[in-house]
PDB file of N, CA and C in Angstrom:
ATOM      1  N   MET A   1       5.070 -14.401  15.475  1.00  0.00           N
ATOM      2  CA  MET A   1       4.017 -13.639  14.828  1.00  0.00           C
ATOM      3  C   MET A   1       4.312 -13.480  13.340  1.00  0.00           C
ATOM      4  N   MET A   2       3.269 -13.272  12.597  1.00  0.00           N
ATOM      5  CA  MET A   2       3.389 -13.067  11.159  1.00  0.00           C
ATOM      6  C   MET A   2       2.560 -11.843  10.790  1.00  0.00           C
ATOM      7  N   THR A   3       3.074 -11.035   9.869  1.00  0.00           N
ATOM      8  CA  THR A   3       2.290  -9.908   9.378  1.00  0.00           C
ATOM      9  C   THR A   3       1.450 -10.361   8.186  1.00  0.00           C
ATOM     10  N   VAL A   4       0.475  -9.552   7.870  1.00  0.00           N
ATOM     11  CA  VAL A   4      -0.377  -9.837   6.715  1.00  0.00           C
ATOM     12  C   VAL A   4       0.471  -9.866   5.446  1.00  0.00           C
ATOM     13  N   LYS A   5       1.392  -8.929   5.306  1.00  0.00           N
ATOM     14  CA  LYS A   5       2.269  -8.877   4.130  1.00  0.00           C
ATOM     15  C   LYS A   5       3.087 -10.167   4.018  1.00  0.00           C
ATOM     16  N   GLN A   6       3.627 -10.643   5.133  1.00  0.00           N
ATOM     17  CA  GLN A   6       4.410 -11.883   5.113  1.00  0.00           C
ATOM     18  C   GLN A   6       3.556 -13.052   4.634  1.00  0.00           C
ATOM     19  N   LEU A   7       2.288 -13.081   5.029  1.00  0.00           N
ATOM     20  CA  LEU A   7       1.406 -14.163   4.581  1.00  0.00           C
ATOM     21  C   LEU A   7       1.229 -14.121   3.068  1.00  0.00           C
ATOM     22  N   THR A   8       1.115 -12.923   2.505  1.00  0.00           N
ATOM     23  CA  THR A   8       0.912 -12.828   1.055  1.00  0.00           C
ATOM     24  C   THR A   8       2.130 -13.270   0.261  1.00  0.00           C
ATOM     25  N   LEU A   9       3.269 -13.371   0.913  1.00  0.00           N
ATOM     26  CA  LEU A   9       4.480 -13.825   0.235  1.00  0.00           C
ATOM     27  C   LEU A   9       4.562 -15.344   0.149  1.00  0.00           C
ATOM     28  N   HIS A  10       3.691 -16.043   0.868  1.00  0.00           N
ATOM     29  CA  HIS A  10       3.662 -17.502   0.835  1.00  0.00           C
ATOM     30  C   HIS A  10       2.847 -17.975  -0.360  1.00  0.00           C
ATOM     31  N   GLN A  11       3.276 -19.045  -0.948  1.00  0.00           N
ATOM     32  CA  GLN A  11       2.610 -19.590  -2.129  1.00  0.00           C
ATOM     33  C   GLN A  11       1.139 -19.881  -1.846  1.00  0.00           C
ATOM     34  N   GLY A  12       0.285 -19.463  -2.763  1.00  0.00           N
ATOM     35  CA  GLY A  12      -1.137 -19.744  -2.630  1.00  0.00           C
ATOM     36  C   GLY A  12      -1.937 -18.625  -1.991  1.00  0.00           C
ATOM     37  N   PHE A  13      -1.283 -17.552  -1.558  1.00  0.00           N
ATOM     38  CA  PHE A  13      -1.977 -16.418  -0.951  1.00  0.00           C
ATOM     39  C   PHE A  13      -1.730 -15.181  -1.803  1.00  0.00           C
ATOM     40  N   THR A  14      -2.797 -14.489  -2.184  1.00  0.00           N
ATOM     41  CA  THR A  14      -2.693 -13.328  -3.054  1.00  0.00           C
ATOM     42  C   THR A  14      -3.362 -12.124  -2.406  1.00  0.00           C
ATOM     43  N   ALA A  15      -2.672 -10.999  -2.367  1.00  0.00           N
ATOM     44  CA  ALA A  15      -3.244  -9.773  -1.820  1.00  0.00           C
ATOM     45  C   ALA A  15      -4.340  -9.253  -2.742  1.00  0.00           C
ATOM     46  N   VAL A  16      -5.484  -8.947  -2.174  1.00  0.00           N
ATOM     47  CA  VAL A  16      -6.587  -8.332  -2.901  1.00  0.00           C
ATOM     48  C   VAL A  16      -6.667  -6.860  -2.515  1.00  0.00           C
ATOM     49  N   SER A  17      -6.519  -6.593  -1.231  1.00  0.00           N
ATOM     50  CA  SER A  17      -6.497  -5.243  -0.659  1.00  0.00           C
ATOM     51  C   SER A  17      -5.490  -5.289   0.477  1.00  0.00           C
ATOM     52  N   LEU A  18      -4.493  -4.430   0.433  1.00  0.00           N
ATOM     53  CA  LEU A  18      -3.439  -4.484   1.458  1.00  0.00           C
ATOM     54  C   LEU A  18      -3.067  -3.079   1.953  1.00  0.00           C
ATOM     55  N   PRO A  19      -4.044  -2.326   2.484  1.00  0.00           N
ATOM     56  CA  PRO A  19      -3.741  -0.981   2.958  1.00  0.00           C
ATOM     57  C   PRO A  19      -2.942  -0.943   4.261  1.00  0.00           C
ATOM     58  N   GLU A  20      -2.982  -2.025   5.043  1.00  0.00           N
ATOM     59  CA  GLU A  20      -2.248  -2.092   6.311  1.00  0.00           C
ATOM     60  C   GLU A  20      -1.426  -3.388   6.354  1.00  0.00           C
ATOM     61  N   PRO A  21      -0.394  -3.485   5.514  1.00  0.00           N
ATOM     62  CA  PRO A  21       0.352  -4.732   5.377  1.00  0.00           C
ATOM     63  C   PRO A  21       1.130  -5.163   6.621  1.00  0.00           C
ATOM     64  N   ASP A  22       1.389  -4.244   7.530  1.00  0.00           N
ATOM     65  CA  ASP A  22       2.190  -4.575   8.706  1.00  0.00           C
ATOM     66  C   ASP A  22       1.369  -5.039   9.906  1.00  0.00           C
ATOM     67  N   ARG A  23       0.057  -5.202   9.726  1.00  0.00           N
ATOM     68  CA  ARG A  23      -0.767  -5.731  10.830  1.00  0.00           C
ATOM     69  C   ARG A  23      -0.307  -7.136  11.165  1.00  0.00           C
ATOM     70  N   GLU A  24      -0.172  -7.421  12.453  1.00  0.00           N
ATOM     71  CA  GLU A  24       0.226  -8.752  12.894  1.00  0.00           C
ATOM     72  C   GLU A  24      -0.996  -9.647  13.051  1.00  0.00           C
ATOM     73  N   ILE A  25      -0.848 -10.875  12.613  1.00  0.00           N
ATOM     74  CA  ILE A  25      -1.889 -11.884  12.781  1.00  0.00           C
ATOM     75  C   ILE A  25      -1.586 -12.612  14.087  1.00  0.00           C
ATOM     76  N   LYS A  26      -2.522 -12.540  15.020  1.00  0.00           N
ATOM     77  CA  LYS A  26      -2.299 -13.147  16.332  1.00  0.00           C
ATOM     78  C   LYS A  26      -3.119 -14.411  16.555  1.00  0.00           C
ATOM     79  N   ASN A  27      -4.188 -14.572  15.772  1.00  0.00           N
ATOM     80  CA  ASN A  27      -5.041 -15.738  15.948  1.00  0.00           C
ATOM     81  C   ASN A  27      -5.858 -15.921  14.666  1.00  0.00           C
ATOM     82  N   VAL A  28      -6.686 -16.932  14.649  1.00  0.00           N
ATOM     83  CA  VAL A  28      -7.485 -17.249  13.467  1.00  0.00           C
ATOM     84  C   VAL A  28      -8.937 -17.425  13.881  1.00  0.00           C
ATOM     85  N   TYR A  29      -9.843 -16.909  13.062  1.00  0.00           N
ATOM     86  CA  TYR A  29     -11.263 -17.143  13.255  1.00  0.00           C
ATOM     87  C   TYR A  29     -11.853 -17.581  11.918  1.00  0.00           C
ATOM     88  N   ILE A  30     -12.678 -18.619  11.939  1.00  0.00           N
ATOM     89  CA  ILE A  30     -13.328 -19.111  10.730  1.00  0.00           C
ATOM     90  C   ILE A  30     -14.827 -18.980  10.918  1.00  0.00           C
ATOM     91  N   GLY A  31     -15.482 -18.321   9.965  1.00  0.00           N
ATOM     92  CA  GLY A  31     -16.932 -18.208  10.055  1.00  0.00           C
ATOM     93  C   GLY A  31     -17.516 -17.514   8.852  1.00  0.00           C
ATOM     94  N   ASP A  32     -18.756 -17.861   8.526  1.00  0.00           N
ATOM     95  CA  ASP A  32     -19.449 -17.282   7.389  1.00  0.00           C
ATOM     96  C   ASP A  32     -20.754 -16.586   7.772  1.00  0.00           C
ATOM     97  N   LEU A  33     -21.227 -16.785   8.972  1.00  0.00           N
ATOM     98  CA  LEU A  33     -22.435 -16.104   9.429  1.00  0.00           C
ATOM     99  C   LEU A  33     -21.997 -14.758  10.006  1.00  0.00           C
ATOM    100  N   LEU A  34     -22.235 -13.691   9.257  1.00  0.00           N
ATOM    101  CA  LEU A  34     -21.644 -12.397   9.586  1.00  0.00           C
ATOM    102  C   LEU A  34     -22.020 -11.898  10.976  1.00  0.00           C
ATOM    103  N   SER A  35     -23.253 -12.089  11.403  1.00  0.00           N
ATOM    104  CA  SER A  35     -23.639 -11.639  12.741  1.00  0.00           C
ATOM    105  C   SER A  35     -22.872 -12.406  13.823  1.00  0.00           C
ATOM    106  N   TRP A  36     -22.593 -13.660  13.573  1.00  0.00           N
ATOM    107  CA  TRP A  36     -21.829 -14.472  14.510  1.00  0.00           C
ATOM    108  C   TRP A  36     -20.379 -13.999  14.554  1.00  0.00           C
ATOM    109  N   VAL A  37     -19.813 -13.744  13.387  1.00  0.00           N
ATOM    110  CA  VAL A  37     -18.425 -13.275  13.300  1.00  0.00           C
ATOM    111  C   VAL A  37     -18.277 -11.945  14.034  1.00  0.00           C
ATOM    112  N   MET A  38     -19.263 -11.045  13.894  1.00  0.00           N
ATOM    113  CA  MET A  38     -19.201  -9.747  14.577  1.00  0.00           C
ATOM    114  C   MET A  38     -19.058  -9.920  16.081  1.00  0.00           C
ATOM    115  N   GLY A  39     -19.693 -10.916  16.628  1.00  0.00           N
ATOM    116  CA  GLY A  39     -19.658 -11.131  18.068  1.00  0.00           C
ATOM    117  C   GLY A  39     -18.511 -11.992  18.544  1.00  0.00           C
ATOM    118  N   LYS A  40     -17.868 -12.723  17.653  1.00  0.00           N
ATOM    119  CA  LYS A  40     -16.855 -13.696  18.076  1.00  0.00           C
ATOM    120  C   LYS A  40     -15.437 -13.394  17.606  1.00  0.00           C
ATOM    121  N   ALA A  41     -15.273 -12.850  16.415  1.00  0.00           N
ATOM    122  CA  ALA A  41     -13.912 -12.564  15.913  1.00  0.00           C
ATOM    123  C   ALA A  41     -13.264 -11.498  16.788  1.00  0.00           C
ATOM    124  N   GLN A  42     -11.973 -11.615  16.952  1.00  0.00           N
ATOM    125  CA  GLN A  42     -11.230 -10.713  17.826  1.00  0.00           C
ATOM    126  C   GLN A  42     -10.286  -9.815  17.035  1.00  0.00           C
ATOM    127  N   GLN A  43      -9.882  -8.744  17.673  1.00  0.00           N
ATOM    128  CA  GLN A  43      -8.879  -7.852  17.085  1.00  0.00           C
ATOM    129  C   GLN A  43      -7.639  -8.662  16.723  1.00  0.00           C
ATOM    130  N   ASP A  44      -7.089  -8.394  15.552  1.00  0.00           N
ATOM    131  CA  ASP A  44      -5.872  -9.015  15.034  1.00  0.00           C
ATOM    132  C   ASP A  44      -6.026 -10.475  14.611  1.00  0.00           C
ATOM    133  N   ASP A  45      -7.257 -10.974  14.536  1.00  0.00           N
ATOM    134  CA  ASP A  45      -7.485 -12.304  13.976  1.00  0.00           C
ATOM    135  C   ASP A  45      -7.326 -12.259  12.456  1.00  0.00           C
ATOM    136  N   ALA A  46      -6.929 -13.362  11.884  1.00  0.00           N
ATOM    137  CA  ALA A  46      -7.086 -13.591  10.449  1.00  0.00           C
ATOM    138  C   ALA A  46      -8.442 -14.274  10.330  1.00  0.00           C
ATOM    139  N   TRP A  47      -9.380 -13.613   9.689  1.00  0.00           N
ATOM    140  CA  TRP A  47     -10.740 -14.143   9.552  1.00  0.00           C
ATOM    141  C   TRP A  47     -10.838 -14.866   8.217  1.00  0.00           C
ATOM    142  N   ILE A  48     -11.104 -16.153   8.271  1.00  0.00           N
ATOM    143  CA  ILE A  48     -11.241 -16.983   7.071  1.00  0.00           C
ATOM    144  C   ILE A  48     -12.723 -17.154   6.770  1.00  0.00           C
ATOM    145  N   THR A  49     -13.100 -16.865   5.514  1.00  0.00           N
ATOM    146  CA  THR A  49     -14.501 -16.941   5.115  1.00  0.00           C
ATOM    147  C   THR A  49     -14.613 -17.247   3.626  1.00  0.00           C
ATOM    148  N   ILE A  50     -15.825 -17.629   3.223  1.00  0.00           N
ATOM    149  CA  ILE A  50     -16.132 -17.745   1.802  1.00  0.00           C
ATOM    150  C   ILE A  50     -17.158 -16.683   1.391  1.00  0.00           C
ATOM    151  N   MET A  51     -17.518 -15.812   2.305  1.00  0.00           N
ATOM    152  CA  MET A  51     -18.462 -14.736   2.013  1.00  0.00           C
ATOM    153  C   MET A  51     -17.804 -13.719   1.089  1.00  0.00           C
ATOM    154  N   SER A  52     -18.580 -13.176   0.149  1.00  0.00           N
ATOM    155  CA  SER A  52     -17.976 -12.282  -0.833  1.00  0.00           C
ATOM    156  C   SER A  52     -18.723 -10.971  -1.022  1.00  0.00           C
ATOM    157  N   ASN A  53     -19.616 -10.620  -0.122  1.00  0.00           N
ATOM    158  CA  ASN A  53     -20.339  -9.365  -0.326  1.00  0.00           C
ATOM    159  C   ASN A  53     -19.710  -8.229   0.486  1.00  0.00           C
ATOM    160  N   ILE A  54     -20.179  -7.036   0.249  1.00  0.00           N
ATOM    161  CA  ILE A  54     -19.594  -5.843   0.861  1.00  0.00           C
ATOM    162  C   ILE A  54     -19.711  -5.840   2.387  1.00  0.00           C
ATOM    163  N   ASN A  55     -20.637  -6.610   2.933  1.00  0.00           N
ATOM    164  CA  ASN A  55     -20.787  -6.676   4.391  1.00  0.00           C
ATOM    165  C   ASN A  55     -19.561  -7.279   5.078  1.00  0.00           C
ATOM    166  N   VAL A  56     -18.775  -8.041   4.341  1.00  0.00           N
ATOM    167  CA  VAL A  56     -17.525  -8.580   4.895  1.00  0.00           C
ATOM    168  C   VAL A  56     -16.613  -7.432   5.331  1.00  0.00           C
ATOM    169  N   VAL A  57     -16.581  -6.377   4.547  1.00  0.00           N
ATOM    170  CA  VAL A  57     -15.748  -5.213   4.874  1.00  0.00           C
ATOM    171  C   VAL A  57     -16.233  -4.576   6.176  1.00  0.00           C
ATOM    172  N   ALA A  58     -17.527  -4.412   6.309  1.00  0.00           N
ATOM    173  CA  ALA A  58     -18.086  -3.807   7.521  1.00  0.00           C
ATOM    174  C   ALA A  58     -17.800  -4.659   8.753  1.00  0.00           C
ATOM    175  N   VAL A  59     -17.971  -5.960   8.645  1.00  0.00           N
ATOM    176  CA  VAL A  59     -17.733  -6.852   9.781  1.00  0.00           C
ATOM    177  C   VAL A  59     -16.247  -6.871  10.155  1.00  0.00           C
ATOM    178  N   ALA A  60     -15.373  -6.901   9.162  1.00  0.00           N
ATOM    179  CA  ALA A  60     -13.935  -6.870   9.436  1.00  0.00           C
ATOM    180  C   ALA A  60     -13.554  -5.569  10.124  1.00  0.00           C
ATOM    181  N   SER A  61     -14.165  -4.477   9.727  1.00  0.00           N
ATOM    182  CA  SER A  61     -13.896  -3.184  10.344  1.00  0.00           C
ATOM    183  C   SER A  61     -14.373  -3.166  11.795  1.00  0.00           C
ATOM    184  N   LEU A  62     -15.594  -3.629  12.032  1.00  0.00           N
ATOM    185  CA  LEU A  62     -16.136  -3.654  13.398  1.00  0.00           C
ATOM    186  C   LEU A  62     -15.340  -4.576  14.316  1.00  0.00           C
ATOM    187  N   SER A  63     -14.885  -5.705  13.782  1.00  0.00           N
ATOM    188  CA  SER A  63     -14.132  -6.683  14.580  1.00  0.00           C
ATOM    189  C   SER A  63     -12.654  -6.335  14.670  1.00  0.00           C
ATOM    190  N   ASP A  64     -12.210  -5.418  13.828  1.00  0.00           N
ATOM    191  CA  ASP A  64     -10.805  -5.000  13.761  1.00  0.00           C
ATOM    192  C   ASP A  64      -9.877  -6.190  13.512  1.00  0.00           C
ATOM    193  N   THR A  65     -10.277  -7.050  12.585  1.00  0.00           N
ATOM    194  CA  THR A  65      -9.430  -8.185  12.233  1.00  0.00           C
ATOM    195  C   THR A  65      -8.187  -7.712  11.485  1.00  0.00           C
ATOM    196  N   ALA A  66      -7.122  -8.462  11.597  1.00  0.00           N
ATOM    197  CA  ALA A  66      -5.882  -8.121  10.885  1.00  0.00           C
ATOM    198  C   ALA A  66      -6.082  -8.257   9.389  1.00  0.00           C
ATOM    199  N   CYS A  67      -6.869  -9.260   8.989  1.00  0.00           N
ATOM    200  CA  CYS A  67      -7.148  -9.466   7.575  1.00  0.00           C
ATOM    201  C   CYS A  67      -8.330 -10.401   7.410  1.00  0.00           C
ATOM    202  N   VAL A  68      -8.862 -10.377   6.224  1.00  0.00           N
ATOM    203  CA  VAL A  68      -9.879 -11.341   5.797  1.00  0.00           C
ATOM    204  C   VAL A  68      -9.196 -12.235   4.776  1.00  0.00           C
ATOM    205  N   ILE A  69      -9.330 -13.543   4.950  1.00  0.00           N
ATOM    206  CA  ILE A  69      -8.799 -14.484   3.977  1.00  0.00           C
ATOM    207  C   ILE A  69      -9.978 -15.153   3.290  1.00  0.00           C
ATOM    208  N   LEU A  70     -10.082 -14.902   1.992  1.00  0.00           N
ATOM    209  CA  LEU A  70     -11.152 -15.492   1.196  1.00  0.00           C
ATOM    210  C   LEU A  70     -10.702 -16.863   0.719  1.00  0.00           C
ATOM    211  N   ALA A  71     -11.318 -17.897   1.249  1.00  0.00           N
ATOM    212  CA  ALA A  71     -10.940 -19.269   0.921  1.00  0.00           C
ATOM    213  C   ALA A  71     -11.661 -19.740  -0.342  1.00  0.00           C
ATOM    214  N   GLU A  72     -11.192 -20.857  -0.869  1.00  0.00           N
ATOM    215  CA  GLU A  72     -11.808 -21.571  -1.980  1.00  0.00           C
ATOM    216  C   GLU A  72     -11.934 -20.732  -3.263  1.00  0.00           C
ATOM    217  N   GLY A  73     -11.008 -19.794  -3.441  1.00  0.00           N
ATOM    218  CA  GLY A  73     -10.973 -19.012  -4.676  1.00  0.00           C
ATOM    219  C   GLY A  73     -12.056 -17.961  -4.802  1.00  0.00           C
ATOM    220  N   VAL A  74     -12.674 -17.588  -3.697  1.00  0.00           N
ATOM    221  CA  VAL A  74     -13.729 -16.572  -3.727  1.00  0.00           C
ATOM    222  C   VAL A  74     -13.150 -15.266  -4.280  1.00  0.00           C
ATOM    223  N   ILE A  75     -13.935 -14.609  -5.131  1.00  0.00           N
ATOM    224  CA  ILE A  75     -13.512 -13.362  -5.761  1.00  0.00           C
ATOM    225  C   ILE A  75     -14.478 -12.248  -5.366  1.00  0.00           C
ATOM    226  N   LEU A  76     -13.932 -11.087  -5.035  1.00  0.00           N
ATOM    227  CA  LEU A  76     -14.749  -9.924  -4.696  1.00  0.00           C
ATOM    228  C   LEU A  76     -14.976  -9.045  -5.920  1.00  0.00           C
ATOM    229  N   ASP A  77     -16.095  -8.334  -5.928  1.00  0.00           N
ATOM    230  CA  ASP A  77     -16.327  -7.370  -6.994  1.00  0.00           C
ATOM    231  C   ASP A  77     -15.507  -6.108  -6.714  1.00  0.00           C
ATOM    232  N   GLU A  78     -15.347  -5.285  -7.724  1.00  0.00           N
ATOM    233  CA  GLU A  78     -14.496  -4.097  -7.622  1.00  0.00           C
ATOM    234  C   GLU A  78     -14.982  -3.108  -6.561  1.00  0.00           C
ATOM    235  N   ASN A  79     -16.293  -2.966  -6.387  1.00  0.00           N
ATOM    236  CA  ASN A  79     -16.818  -2.047  -5.366  1.00  0.00           C
ATOM    237  C   ASN A  79     -16.436  -2.492  -3.964  1.00  0.00           C
ATOM    238  N   THR A  80     -16.458  -3.785  -3.720  1.00  0.00           N
ATOM    239  CA  THR A  80     -16.086  -4.312  -2.404  1.00  0.00           C
ATOM    240  C   THR A  80     -14.590  -4.139  -2.171  1.00  0.00           C
ATOM    241  N   ILE A  81     -13.794  -4.355  -3.184  1.00  0.00           N
ATOM    242  CA  ILE A  81     -12.345  -4.160  -3.057  1.00  0.00           C
ATOM    243  C   ILE A  81     -12.037  -2.696  -2.766  1.00  0.00           C
ATOM    244  N   LEU A  82     -12.690  -1.795  -3.453  1.00  0.00           N
ATOM    245  CA  LEU A  82     -12.488  -0.361  -3.225  1.00  0.00           C
ATOM    246  C   LEU A  82     -12.907   0.022  -1.813  1.00  0.00           C
ATOM    247  N   ALA A  83     -14.029  -0.505  -1.338  1.00  0.00           N
ATOM    248  CA  ALA A  83     -14.483  -0.229   0.031  1.00  0.00           C
ATOM    249  C   ALA A  83     -13.469  -0.734   1.047  1.00  0.00           C
ATOM    250  N   ALA A  84     -12.910  -1.913   0.796  1.00  0.00           N
ATOM    251  CA  ALA A  84     -11.895  -2.469   1.704  1.00  0.00           C
ATOM    252  C   ALA A  84     -10.673  -1.563   1.769  1.00  0.00           C
ATOM    253  N   LYS A  85     -10.211  -1.119   0.631  1.00  0.00           N
ATOM    254  CA  LYS A  85      -9.045  -0.224   0.602  1.00  0.00           C
ATOM    255  C   LYS A  85      -9.347   1.078   1.322  1.00  0.00           C
ATOM    256  N   ASN A  86     -10.534   1.634   1.107  1.00  0.00           N
ATOM    257  CA  ASN A  86     -10.915   2.898   1.746  1.00  0.00           C
ATOM    258  C   ASN A  86     -11.065   2.774   3.254  1.00  0.00           C
ATOM    259  N   LYS A  87     -11.464   1.603   3.728  1.00  0.00           N
ATOM    260  CA  LYS A  87     -11.659   1.390   5.169  1.00  0.00           C
ATOM    261  C   LYS A  87     -10.439   0.771   5.848  1.00  0.00           C
ATOM    262  N   GLY A  88      -9.364   0.551   5.089  1.00  0.00           N
ATOM    263  CA  GLY A  88      -8.149   0.001   5.680  1.00  0.00           C
ATOM    264  C   GLY A  88      -8.240  -1.477   6.010  1.00  0.00           C
ATOM    265  N   ILE A  89      -9.009  -2.220   5.225  1.00  0.00           N
ATOM    266  CA  ILE A  89      -9.208  -3.652   5.480  1.00  0.00           C
ATOM    267  C   ILE A  89      -8.325  -4.473   4.545  1.00  0.00           C
ATOM    268  N   ASN A  90      -7.452  -5.278   5.136  1.00  0.00           N
ATOM    269  CA  ASN A  90      -6.604  -6.190   4.371  1.00  0.00           C
ATOM    270  C   ASN A  90      -7.423  -7.400   3.949  1.00  0.00           C
ATOM    271  N   ILE A  91      -7.344  -7.749   2.669  1.00  0.00           N
ATOM    272  CA  ILE A  91      -8.037  -8.935   2.169  1.00  0.00           C
ATOM    273  C   ILE A  91      -7.073  -9.742   1.316  1.00  0.00           C
ATOM    274  N   ILE A  92      -7.069 -11.036   1.580  1.00  0.00           N
ATOM    275  CA  ILE A  92      -6.204 -11.984   0.882  1.00  0.00           C
ATOM    276  C   ILE A  92      -7.086 -13.076   0.289  1.00  0.00           C
ATOM    277  N   SER A  93      -6.713 -13.556  -0.870  1.00  0.00           N
ATOM    278  CA  SER A  93      -7.458 -14.634  -1.520  1.00  0.00           C
ATOM    279  C   SER A  93      -6.571 -15.864  -1.634  1.00  0.00           C
ATOM    280  N   THR A  94      -7.214 -17.030  -1.586  1.00  0.00           N
ATOM    281  CA  THR A  94      -6.502 -18.296  -1.754  1.00  0.00           C
ATOM    282  C   THR A  94      -7.448 -19.344  -2.327  1.00  0.00           C
ATOM    283  N   PRO A  95      -6.927 -20.248  -3.134  1.00  0.00           N
ATOM    284  CA  PRO A  95      -7.768 -21.342  -3.627  1.00  0.00           C
ATOM    285  C   PRO A  95      -7.957 -22.444  -2.570  1.00  0.00           C
ATOM    286  N   GLN A  96      -7.229 -22.374  -1.484  1.00  0.00           N
ATOM    287  CA  GLN A  96      -7.286 -23.411  -0.448  1.00  0.00           C
ATOM    288  C   GLN A  96      -8.613 -23.370   0.317  1.00  0.00           C
ATOM    289  N   SER A  97      -8.965 -24.482   0.943  1.00  0.00           N
ATOM    290  CA  SER A  97     -10.160 -24.537   1.790  1.00  0.00           C
ATOM    291  C   SER A  97      -9.876 -23.820   3.112  1.00  0.00           C
ATOM    292  N   ALA A  98     -10.935 -23.493   3.826  1.00  0.00           N
ATOM    293  CA  ALA A  98     -10.781 -22.863   5.138  1.00  0.00           C
ATOM    294  C   ALA A  98      -9.962 -23.759   6.063  1.00  0.00           C
ATOM    295  N   TYR A  99     -10.203 -25.049   6.011  1.00  0.00           N
ATOM    296  CA  TYR A  99      -9.447 -25.998   6.826  1.00  0.00           C
ATOM    297  C   TYR A  99      -7.961 -25.946   6.495  1.00  0.00           C
ATOM    298  N   GLN A 100      -7.634 -25.979   5.207  1.00  0.00           N
ATOM    299  CA  GLN A 100      -6.224 -25.948   4.809  1.00  0.00           C
ATOM    300  C   GLN A 100      -5.545 -24.658   5.260  1.00  0.00           C
ATOM    301  N   VAL A 101      -6.239 -23.537   5.136  1.00  0.00           N
ATOM    302  CA  VAL A 101      -5.670 -22.258   5.555  1.00  0.00           C
ATOM    303  C   VAL A 101      -5.438 -22.249   7.062  1.00  0.00           C
ATOM    304  N   ALA A 102      -6.437 -22.667   7.823  1.00  0.00           N
ATOM    305  CA  ALA A 102      -6.308 -22.683   9.285  1.00  0.00           C
ATOM    306  C   ALA A 102      -5.186 -23.620   9.723  1.00  0.00           C
ATOM    307  N   LYS A 103      -5.108 -24.757   9.101  1.00  0.00           N
ATOM    308  CA  LYS A 103      -4.050 -25.724   9.424  1.00  0.00           C
ATOM    309  C   LYS A 103      -2.683 -25.109   9.161  1.00  0.00           C
ATOM    310  N   TYR A 104      -2.529 -24.428   8.047  1.00  0.00           N
ATOM    311  CA  TYR A 104      -1.269 -23.774   7.708  1.00  0.00           C
ATOM    312  C   TYR A 104      -0.939 -22.657   8.699  1.00  0.00           C
ATOM    313  N   LEU A 105      -1.933 -21.804   8.985  1.00  0.00           N
ATOM    314  CA  LEU A 105      -1.690 -20.685   9.900  1.00  0.00           C
ATOM    315  C   LEU A 105      -1.321 -21.170  11.303  1.00  0.00           C
ATOM    316  N   ALA A 106      -1.869 -22.313  11.707  1.00  0.00           N
ATOM    317  CA  ALA A 106      -1.528 -22.856  13.015  1.00  0.00           C
ATOM    318  C   ALA A 106      -0.049 -23.189  13.143  1.00  0.00           C
ATOM    319  N   THR A 107       0.597 -23.399  12.013  1.00  0.00           N
ATOM    320  CA  THR A 107       2.036 -23.739  12.061  1.00  0.00           C
ATOM    321  C   THR A 107       2.936 -22.510  11.960  1.00  0.00           C
ATOM    322  N   VAL A 108       2.389 -21.357  11.552  1.00  0.00           N
ATOM    323  CA  VAL A 108       3.263 -20.192  11.319  1.00  0.00           C
ATOM    324  C   VAL A 108       3.005 -18.987  12.225  1.00  0.00           C
ATOM    325  N   ILE A 109       1.878 -18.984  12.959  1.00  0.00           N
ATOM    326  CA  ILE A 109       1.648 -17.842  13.856  1.00  0.00           C
ATOM    327  C   ILE A 109       1.786 -18.234  15.296  1.00  0.00           C
TER     328      ILE A 109
END
């Protein structure tokens, strides 16, 4: 298992919001259709997406994901980052594609 904090220590991953750094990542879910993610992502998943609006925080909270990984260099606005911190949602950013992130996570979790 790997914690969210441990993932941020790997090259190419940057913490955006890390209120619960000790959450364990148990699986990976990739998706950008928020209604679909709400029904499919599981507790303790690392959710990989390119979505950047505040609804990502709500979906991550409802799904109880370990973290959200913003692929392809996606950047959040300050209001979304503040909402994530207030709701206890870990968010990580990376310039890598969703495929590259998933491939990497498959080797470490």
